[in-house]
Structure formats: structure tokens, C-alpha cells
């Protein structure tokens, strides 16, 4: 039973996230990975609560993740001794230098947000928006004959900016924090036009995002871009996300090792077997099975994908973190690929019928 004093020390996930300087999606990701558990979860509302005593640990994890350390090495640092941490950090010197540069970019963006906080439109980092576009735009499908599927949904909620794209076999959702309590707004932007504007977007230190009747306008130091909108209603992606079945098997593995095992061959079917280890086999009979180190929890399972569907989902996580989480319910049901350190990338991927070899 939690005492009155202990309850007073508890912090909601939002307050704790702001104090620890991480996003709420990162805290949920750390919880799912078993790195930092909330001290209490309300059994009725599901709200997570944290203790101030956990701030130092989350701050350390945040710094280690900025260095690009995989989860296994983060656990080694947290477990000690100090000499292990020194060796790991020395090996990631180049990543540390990159983190310093990222901090300079974040400082510039923060100052821009402070100066523009009285503005009527959403202001965000051009680099982060360009990265988010690159992570979802490949899921759009202009050849489907449905205009909305050839577009990317740009959705502003009170606390998030979401980019969503789908080709009916893959659903990619990328969220970025929005701290300005913006008025909700949505528009479906032509994916090809958005992709062509990506380099210009990434070159802007900051951007204002505004909505008009037939376009979304981006305004930055380098000028303006008007992104034409697409007619028709975007698929009800929230229903898909809310209707996902219960997770029975969860796999956390290195994104780079998974990409190397999958390879980029659209004609290949990939058989994944999670039973103690993660084994990836190209079928039929194309190469030897590859074992990928992974943290696996839940029931053993065999599941198959088309490389043309899975590879882009894994590659999209390149700028978010070194690890990918796969959440599996049944071999014939959608699989969720997640990655989060600052913001959240969620991709829903449809499997294919398992080969006889993978079922044995």
C-alpha cells in the first residue's frame, strides 16, 4: 500500500517528462523495454506515476541514448562498474561529438520557439520535420487509384504533430512533440511534392506551419513552400491503431543488424523465428539463416514478411535510435514496429503466409 507521503512525491508522466527533459513517448518506450518502470500505475485510468528519485537514472539513460548506445549496452552501464562505462563511452567518442552538434541545433530551435511563441502557427525544427517526412513518405502509394493514399496526413493536435502515410500493407505514424497547445488541424499533402521539398525543409533552422484551403504553407528563413493538398478523406488510421490485438511476443533488436539480415530484395520472403534467439531466413532457399541478437519476451513465434514491406519500415527508423521494437500478436495479424527516444515512430506491417519451413 502506498502511503500518503509517498503519493505526494509521485509525479505524473507529463510532469516527470518535462523535468527529466525527455518526451512522454520515450518514458513509455523505456517502460516497455524494462529500463525504467513507473512507481505506480492507476488500475482504472492506466496513468503512469514516477518518483523524483528516478530523475537521475532517466537523465543518465537520455545521455547514453544520445550517444547511440544500444539497449544492451545501456543496461551494462547502469549495472556498472565504472570502468565498463568508461570503455563504452570512449568507443562512442564520435557519437558524443555528434551529440554536441545536435545540442547546438536544439538550442537554436529553442530560441526560435521562444521568439515566435506569440505566433499563430506551429513552429518547429526544419531538420526534425525533414527527418519525420523521410520516415513516413515511402509508405504512401500514388498508384493505388485512391488520392488520399498518395498523400501524407499532416495532423496537429493539442500536444503533437503527426505525419501519417499508408499503402494498405504498411501504416507509418511519426509524432513530434508540440508544446504550444495548438488548435487542432489536419490536411493530406501530396507525398511526391512533400518529398521533393524535404531537402529545403531540412535546411531551415525553423519553420512555421500553417493551413490554408488548398495547401499547407511552410515559412522559414529561406522563404516559403506551399504544399498542395489531396482531395478525399484519409483512411481512419486511429481505428487501426486502437484495434491492434494484444501483444504476445515482443522483440527488441539492433536496427542495423536487422537491416543487414533482411537485405533489400523485394522478391524475397523473410521467415522470422523467435525462440530464444531471432533467426531470419530468406525463402525459398536464398542464403543461410542469420541469427540476430535480440531481447525477446513472450511466446515463441514464427512469422513471415515480404522484404519490400518490412525493409522500408526498419530503414525509416535510421535517425531515431539504434534499436527497433517488434510487437507481435499472431503470425497472420499486423505487427507493430516501434522506435522512440524523442518523439515516436510507429509502423504497422502486414505479414504474409508462413512457409512450411518456418512452421516446423
Protein backbone atom coordinates (compact mmCIF):
# COMPACT_ATOMS: atom_id res chain seq x y z
CA UNK A 1 0.00 0.00 0.00
CA UNK A 2 1.47 3.38 -0.99
CA UNK A 3 1.48 5.85 1.92
CA UNK A 4 0.21 9.43 1.82
CA UNK A 5 3.74 10.90 1.82
CA UNK A 6 4.79 8.58 -1.00
CA UNK A 7 1.73 9.58 -3.02
CA UNK A 8 2.60 13.26 -2.61
CA UNK A 9 6.07 12.57 -4.05
CA UNK A 10 4.64 10.91 -7.15
CA UNK A 11 4.85 12.81 -10.44
CA UNK A 12 2.56 12.35 -13.41
CA UNK A 13 4.25 11.17 -16.60
CA UNK A 14 3.87 14.64 -18.14
CA UNK A 15 5.45 16.49 -15.20
CA UNK A 16 8.18 13.88 -14.90
CA UNK A 17 8.91 14.03 -18.65
CA UNK A 18 9.27 17.82 -18.60
CA UNK A 19 11.50 17.70 -15.51
CA UNK A 20 13.70 14.94 -16.98
CA UNK A 21 13.76 16.66 -20.41
CA UNK A 22 12.51 13.62 -22.31
CA UNK A 23 9.27 13.03 -24.19
CA UNK A 24 6.40 11.04 -22.69
CA UNK A 25 6.74 8.58 -25.59
CA UNK A 26 10.37 7.97 -24.57
CA UNK A 27 9.27 7.18 -21.00
CA UNK A 28 6.67 4.72 -22.32
CA UNK A 29 9.35 3.15 -24.51
CA UNK A 30 11.73 2.82 -21.51
CA UNK A 31 8.89 1.21 -19.56
CA UNK A 32 8.12 -1.29 -22.34
CA UNK A 33 11.83 -2.14 -22.58
CA UNK A 34 12.13 -2.68 -18.83
CA UNK A 35 14.66 0.13 -18.32
CA UNK A 36 12.61 2.47 -16.11
CA UNK A 37 9.32 1.33 -14.64
CA UNK A 38 6.80 3.80 -13.16
CA UNK A 39 6.48 3.52 -9.39
CA UNK A 40 2.71 3.19 -9.77
CA UNK A 41 0.09 2.73 -12.48
CA UNK A 42 -3.52 3.67 -11.78
CA UNK A 43 -5.52 0.42 -12.30
CA UNK A 44 -8.54 2.33 -13.59
CA UNK A 45 -7.10 5.10 -15.79
CA UNK A 46 -3.76 3.48 -16.68
CA UNK A 47 -1.96 6.74 -15.79
CA UNK A 48 1.74 6.24 -15.01
CA UNK A 49 3.38 7.88 -11.98
CA UNK A 50 7.09 8.35 -11.33
CA UNK A 51 9.24 9.26 -8.33
CA UNK A 52 11.71 12.19 -8.21
CA UNK A 53 14.30 9.58 -7.20
CA UNK A 54 14.16 8.25 -10.80
CA UNK A 55 15.22 11.54 -12.40
CA UNK A 56 18.95 10.84 -12.23
CA UNK A 57 18.53 7.42 -13.84
CA UNK A 58 16.38 8.77 -16.67
CA UNK A 59 18.82 11.65 -17.22
CA UNK A 60 21.68 9.14 -17.49
CA UNK A 61 19.72 6.96 -19.91
CA UNK A 62 18.87 10.01 -22.02
CA UNK A 63 22.54 10.93 -22.28
CA UNK A 64 23.55 7.37 -23.14
CA UNK A 65 20.89 7.16 -25.82
CA UNK A 66 22.13 10.43 -27.32
CA UNK A 67 25.45 8.62 -27.72
CA UNK A 68 23.69 5.94 -29.75
CA UNK A 69 24.25 3.14 -27.23
CA UNK A 70 22.05 0.07 -27.88
CA UNK A 71 19.79 -1.02 -25.04
CA UNK A 72 22.03 -3.93 -24.09
CA UNK A 73 24.98 -1.57 -23.54
CA UNK A 74 22.78 0.90 -21.65
CA UNK A 75 21.92 -1.91 -19.24
CA UNK A 76 25.65 -2.69 -18.85
CA UNK A 77 26.38 0.94 -17.96
CA UNK A 78 23.52 1.06 -15.44
CA UNK A 79 24.73 -2.17 -13.85
CA UNK A 80 28.35 -0.89 -13.57
CA UNK A 81 31.22 -0.97 -12.81
CA UNK A 82 32.51 2.45 -13.84
CA UNK A 83 35.36 1.04 -15.97
CA UNK A 84 32.81 -0.61 -18.28
CA UNK A 85 31.09 2.74 -18.76
CA UNK A 86 34.43 4.42 -19.46
CA UNK A 87 35.27 1.87 -22.15
CA UNK A 88 31.86 2.16 -23.80
CA UNK A 89 31.86 5.94 -23.76
CA UNK A 90 35.39 6.12 -25.14
CA UNK A 91 34.31 3.88 -28.02
CA UNK A 92 31.49 6.31 -28.84
CA UNK A 93 33.58 9.49 -28.98
CA UNK A 94 32.43 10.31 -32.48
CA UNK A 95 28.80 9.95 -31.39
CA UNK A 96 29.46 12.31 -28.49
CA UNK A 97 30.75 14.92 -30.93
CA UNK A 98 27.57 14.50 -32.96
CA UNK A 99 25.50 14.92 -29.80
CA UNK A 100 27.23 18.25 -29.15
CA UNK A 101 26.24 19.41 -32.62
CA UNK A 102 22.67 18.21 -32.04
CA UNK A 103 22.62 20.23 -28.81
CA UNK A 104 23.61 23.36 -30.74
CA UNK A 105 20.77 22.74 -33.21
CA UNK A 106 18.35 22.19 -30.31
CA UNK A 107 19.49 25.47 -28.72
CA UNK A 108 18.87 27.35 -31.98
CA UNK A 109 15.44 25.77 -32.33
CA UNK A 110 14.55 26.55 -28.70
CA UNK A 111 15.48 30.23 -29.15
CA UNK A 112 13.37 30.36 -32.31
CA UNK A 113 10.43 28.89 -30.44
CA UNK A 114 10.83 31.43 -27.64
CA UNK A 115 10.93 34.34 -30.09
CA UNK A 116 7.94 33.03 -32.06
CA UNK A 117 5.78 31.79 -29.17
CA UNK A 118 3.27 34.59 -29.75
CA UNK A 119 2.75 33.47 -33.34
CA UNK A 120 -0.50 31.88 -34.56
CA UNK A 121 1.08 28.94 -36.35
CA UNK A 122 3.10 25.95 -35.24
CA UNK A 123 6.88 26.48 -35.20
CA UNK A 124 9.25 23.53 -35.38
CA UNK A 125 12.75 22.47 -36.40
CA UNK A 126 13.20 22.07 -40.14
CA UNK A 127 15.71 19.26 -39.63
CA UNK A 128 13.36 17.26 -37.42
CA UNK A 129 10.42 17.76 -39.80
CA UNK A 130 12.55 16.62 -42.76
CA UNK A 131 13.60 13.50 -40.84
CA UNK A 132 9.97 12.74 -39.96
CA UNK A 133 8.90 13.15 -43.61
CA UNK A 134 11.62 10.71 -44.69
CA UNK A 135 10.39 8.17 -42.15
CA UNK A 136 6.79 8.02 -43.41
CA UNK A 137 6.68 9.18 -47.03
CA UNK A 138 7.71 5.82 -48.51
CA UNK A 139 4.51 4.29 -47.08
CA UNK A 140 2.35 6.42 -49.42
CA UNK A 141 1.12 4.82 -52.65
CA UNK A 142 0.18 7.11 -55.54
CA UNK A 143 -0.50 4.10 -57.81
CA UNK A 144 -3.42 2.77 -55.74
CA UNK A 145 -6.03 4.86 -57.53
CA UNK A 146 -7.14 6.38 -54.22
CA UNK A 147 -5.92 10.00 -53.99
CA UNK A 148 -5.56 10.06 -50.21
CA UNK A 149 -3.20 7.05 -50.30
CA UNK A 150 -0.85 9.12 -52.45
CA UNK A 151 -0.60 11.70 -49.70
CA UNK A 152 0.76 12.21 -46.20
CA UNK A 153 -1.62 13.27 -43.46
CA UNK A 154 -0.21 16.25 -41.52
CA UNK A 155 -2.19 16.41 -38.30
CA UNK A 156 -1.75 18.92 -35.49
CA UNK A 157 -3.26 18.01 -32.12
CA UNK A 158 -3.04 19.93 -28.86
CA UNK A 159 0.23 18.25 -27.93
CA UNK A 160 1.60 16.56 -31.07
CA UNK A 161 2.34 16.97 -34.74
CA UNK A 162 1.65 13.71 -36.57
CA UNK A 163 2.66 12.60 -40.05
CA UNK A 164 0.80 9.53 -41.32
CA UNK A 165 1.04 7.54 -44.57
CA UNK A 166 -0.23 4.13 -45.68
CA UNK A 167 -0.31 1.87 -48.72
CA UNK A 168 -2.77 -0.56 -47.01
CA UNK A 169 0.07 -3.04 -46.32
CA UNK A 170 2.09 -0.66 -44.18
CA UNK A 171 0.97 2.18 -41.92
CA UNK A 172 3.65 4.65 -40.77
CA UNK A 173 2.92 7.17 -38.00
CA UNK A 174 5.56 9.66 -36.81
CA UNK A 175 4.80 12.05 -33.96
CA UNK A 176 6.72 15.11 -32.83
CA UNK A 177 6.01 16.94 -29.57
CA UNK A 178 4.02 20.16 -29.78
CA UNK A 179 4.39 22.26 -26.64
CA UNK A 180 2.32 25.21 -27.86
CA UNK A 181 -1.24 23.93 -27.29
CA UNK A 182 -2.08 24.43 -30.95
CA UNK A 183 -5.60 24.47 -32.35
CA UNK A 184 -6.14 21.01 -33.94
CA UNK A 185 -5.90 20.94 -37.76
CA UNK A 186 -5.43 18.32 -40.48
CA UNK A 187 -4.61 18.17 -44.18
CA UNK A 188 -3.46 15.49 -46.64
CA UNK A 189 -0.45 16.72 -48.62
CA UNK A 190 0.72 15.22 -51.91
CA UNK A 191 3.52 12.81 -50.92
CA UNK A 192 5.68 13.36 -54.02
CA UNK A 193 5.57 17.13 -53.60
CA UNK A 194 6.35 16.80 -49.89
CA UNK A 195 9.31 14.53 -50.61
CA UNK A 196 10.72 16.96 -53.18
CA UNK A 197 10.55 19.75 -50.60
CA UNK A 198 12.32 17.67 -47.95
CA UNK A 199 15.85 18.94 -48.65
CA UNK A 200 14.71 22.57 -48.49
CA UNK A 201 12.81 21.83 -45.27
CA UNK A 202 15.88 20.24 -43.68
CA UNK A 203 17.98 23.31 -44.48
CA UNK A 204 15.68 25.61 -42.46
CA UNK A 205 16.65 26.28 -38.84
CA UNK A 206 12.97 26.64 -38.00
CA UNK A 207 9.64 26.60 -39.84
CA UNK A 208 6.18 27.98 -39.34
CA UNK A 209 3.45 25.54 -40.39
CA UNK A 210 0.10 26.99 -41.40
CA UNK A 211 -3.07 25.59 -43.03
CA UNK A 212 -4.99 27.07 -45.97
CA UNK A 213 -7.94 25.81 -48.04
CA UNK A 214 -5.90 24.06 -50.75
CA UNK A 215 -2.39 23.88 -49.34
CA UNK A 216 -0.19 23.70 -46.25
CA UNK A 217 2.33 26.51 -46.07
CA UNK A 218 5.82 26.24 -44.59
CA UNK A 219 7.66 29.50 -43.91
CA UNK A 220 11.32 29.62 -42.92
CA UNK A 221 14.41 31.83 -43.18
CA UNK A 222 14.88 30.58 -46.76
CA UNK A 223 11.42 31.57 -47.99
CA UNK A 224 8.14 29.69 -48.35
CA UNK A 225 6.90 26.35 -49.64
CA UNK A 226 3.26 25.71 -50.46
CA UNK A 227 2.40 22.01 -50.34
CA UNK A 228 -0.78 21.19 -52.32
CA UNK A 229 -3.39 19.14 -50.52
CA UNK A 230 -5.06 15.99 -51.85
CA UNK A 231 -8.82 15.58 -52.22
CA UNK A 232 -10.64 12.85 -50.34
CA UNK A 233 -10.72 11.53 -46.81
CA UNK A 234 -7.63 9.91 -45.34
CA UNK A 235 -8.12 6.34 -44.02
CA UNK A 236 -9.20 6.15 -40.37
CA UNK A 237 -5.75 5.18 -39.12
CA UNK A 238 -6.64 5.66 -35.45
CA UNK A 239 -9.15 2.81 -35.71
CA UNK A 240 -6.33 0.57 -36.96
CA UNK A 241 -4.04 1.56 -34.08
CA UNK A 242 -6.78 1.30 -31.45
CA UNK A 243 -7.88 -2.10 -32.81
CA UNK A 244 -4.49 -3.80 -32.69
CA UNK A 245 -4.63 -7.18 -30.91
CA UNK A 246 -2.87 -7.94 -27.64
CA UNK A 247 0.89 -8.37 -27.92
CA UNK A 248 2.08 -11.94 -27.25
CA UNK A 249 5.73 -11.63 -28.29
CA UNK A 250 8.00 -8.58 -28.08
CA UNK A 251 11.42 -8.34 -29.73
CA UNK A 252 13.98 -5.56 -29.27
CA UNK A 253 16.97 -5.76 -31.62
CA UNK A 254 19.60 -3.60 -33.30
CA UNK A 255 18.11 -1.82 -36.31
CA UNK A 256 21.35 -2.11 -38.29
CA UNK A 257 21.72 -5.85 -37.65
CA UNK A 258 18.09 -6.43 -38.62
CA UNK A 259 18.53 -4.46 -41.84
CA UNK A 260 21.64 -6.47 -42.70
CA UNK A 261 19.73 -9.71 -42.10
CA UNK A 262 16.68 -8.60 -44.10
CA UNK A 263 18.51 -7.05 -47.10
CA UNK A 264 16.63 -5.06 -49.70
CA UNK A 265 15.28 -7.61 -52.19
CA UNK A 266 11.57 -7.11 -52.95
CA UNK A 267 11.21 -10.67 -54.27
CA UNK A 268 12.39 -12.32 -51.07
CA UNK A 269 10.09 -13.62 -48.37
CA UNK A 270 11.63 -13.48 -44.90
CA UNK A 271 10.87 -16.07 -42.26
CA UNK A 272 11.40 -14.82 -38.71
CA UNK A 273 11.61 -17.37 -35.90
CA UNK A 274 11.65 -16.06 -32.32
CA UNK A 275 12.58 -18.89 -29.98
CA UNK A 276 15.33 -17.83 -27.60
CA UNK A 277 17.12 -16.14 -30.50
CA UNK A 278 15.84 -14.21 -33.51
CA UNK A 279 16.56 -16.16 -36.70
CA UNK A 280 15.94 -14.62 -40.14
CA UNK A 281 15.80 -16.83 -43.23
CA UNK A 282 15.29 -15.70 -46.83
CA UNK A 283 12.94 -18.09 -48.57
CA UNK A 284 12.78 -20.08 -50.64
CA UNK A 285 16.37 -21.25 -50.10
CA UNK A 286 18.17 -17.92 -50.66
CA UNK A 287 21.12 -17.92 -48.27
CA UNK A 288 21.72 -19.37 -44.84
CA UNK A 289 19.71 -18.39 -41.76
CA UNK A 290 21.05 -15.38 -39.87
CA UNK A 291 20.84 -15.10 -36.08
CA UNK A 292 20.27 -11.56 -34.79
CA UNK A 293 20.93 -10.88 -31.07
CA UNK A 294 17.69 -9.69 -29.51
CA UNK A 295 15.80 -9.27 -26.26
CA UNK A 296 12.72 -11.50 -26.68
CA UNK A 297 9.84 -11.73 -24.24
CA UNK A 298 6.65 -13.73 -24.57
CA UNK A 299 5.68 -16.80 -26.55
CA UNK A 300 7.88 -18.33 -29.29
CA UNK A 301 6.55 -17.47 -32.74
CA UNK A 302 7.35 -17.87 -36.44
CA UNK A 303 6.22 -15.10 -38.79
CA UNK A 304 6.93 -14.16 -42.42
CA UNK A 305 7.17 -10.84 -44.28
CA UNK A 306 7.88 -9.57 -47.75
CA UNK A 307 11.20 -7.76 -47.74
CA UNK A 308 9.65 -4.99 -49.85
CA UNK A 309 7.22 -4.30 -46.98
CA UNK A 310 9.46 -4.81 -43.94
CA UNK A 311 12.72 -3.26 -45.11
CA UNK A 312 11.36 0.31 -45.51
CA UNK A 313 9.70 0.07 -42.10
CA UNK A 314 13.04 -0.76 -40.47
CA UNK A 315 15.06 1.70 -42.55
CA UNK A 316 12.70 4.55 -41.62
CA UNK A 317 13.96 4.41 -38.01
CA UNK A 318 17.52 5.38 -39.03
CA UNK A 319 17.58 8.77 -37.27
CA UNK A 320 15.57 7.89 -34.16
CA UNK A 321 17.74 5.38 -32.33
CA UNK A 322 19.80 2.23 -32.67
CA UNK A 323 17.06 -0.21 -31.65
CA UNK A 324 13.73 -1.36 -33.05
CA UNK A 325 10.91 -2.98 -31.09
CA UNK A 326 8.65 -5.53 -32.85
CA UNK A 327 5.34 -6.33 -31.15
CA UNK A 328 3.65 -9.49 -32.42
CA UNK A 329 0.25 -10.98 -31.61
CA UNK A 330 -0.30 -13.80 -34.13
CA UNK A 331 1.62 -14.81 -37.30
CA UNK A 332 -1.29 -13.72 -39.52
CA UNK A 333 -2.06 -10.39 -37.80
CA UNK A 334 -0.41 -6.96 -38.17
CA UNK A 335 2.95 -6.47 -36.47
CA UNK A 336 3.88 -3.17 -34.83
CA UNK A 337 7.40 -1.78 -35.25
CA UNK A 338 8.24 0.95 -32.74
CA UNK A 339 11.18 3.21 -32.06
CA UNK A 340 11.32 6.17 -29.69
CA UNK A 341 13.79 8.39 -27.91
CA UNK A 342 12.43 11.84 -28.71
CA UNK A 343 9.13 11.58 -30.50
CA UNK A 344 7.67 8.29 -31.62
CA UNK A 345 7.73 6.31 -34.87
CA UNK A 346 5.14 3.55 -35.13
CA UNK A 347 4.81 1.36 -38.21
CA UNK A 348 2.19 -1.34 -38.68
CA UNK A 349 3.34 -4.06 -41.10
CA UNK A 350 1.24 -6.86 -42.57
CA UNK A 351 2.87 -10.33 -42.55
CA UNK A 352 2.43 -12.96 -45.27
CA UNK A 353 1.57 -16.63 -45.05
CA UNK A 354 4.37 -18.57 -43.35
CA UNK A 355 6.39 -21.05 -45.39
CA UNK A 356 6.32 -24.74 -44.38
CA UNK A 357 9.95 -24.43 -43.23
CA UNK A 358 9.17 -21.62 -40.80
CA UNK A 359 6.28 -23.52 -39.26
CA UNK A 360 8.38 -26.52 -38.29
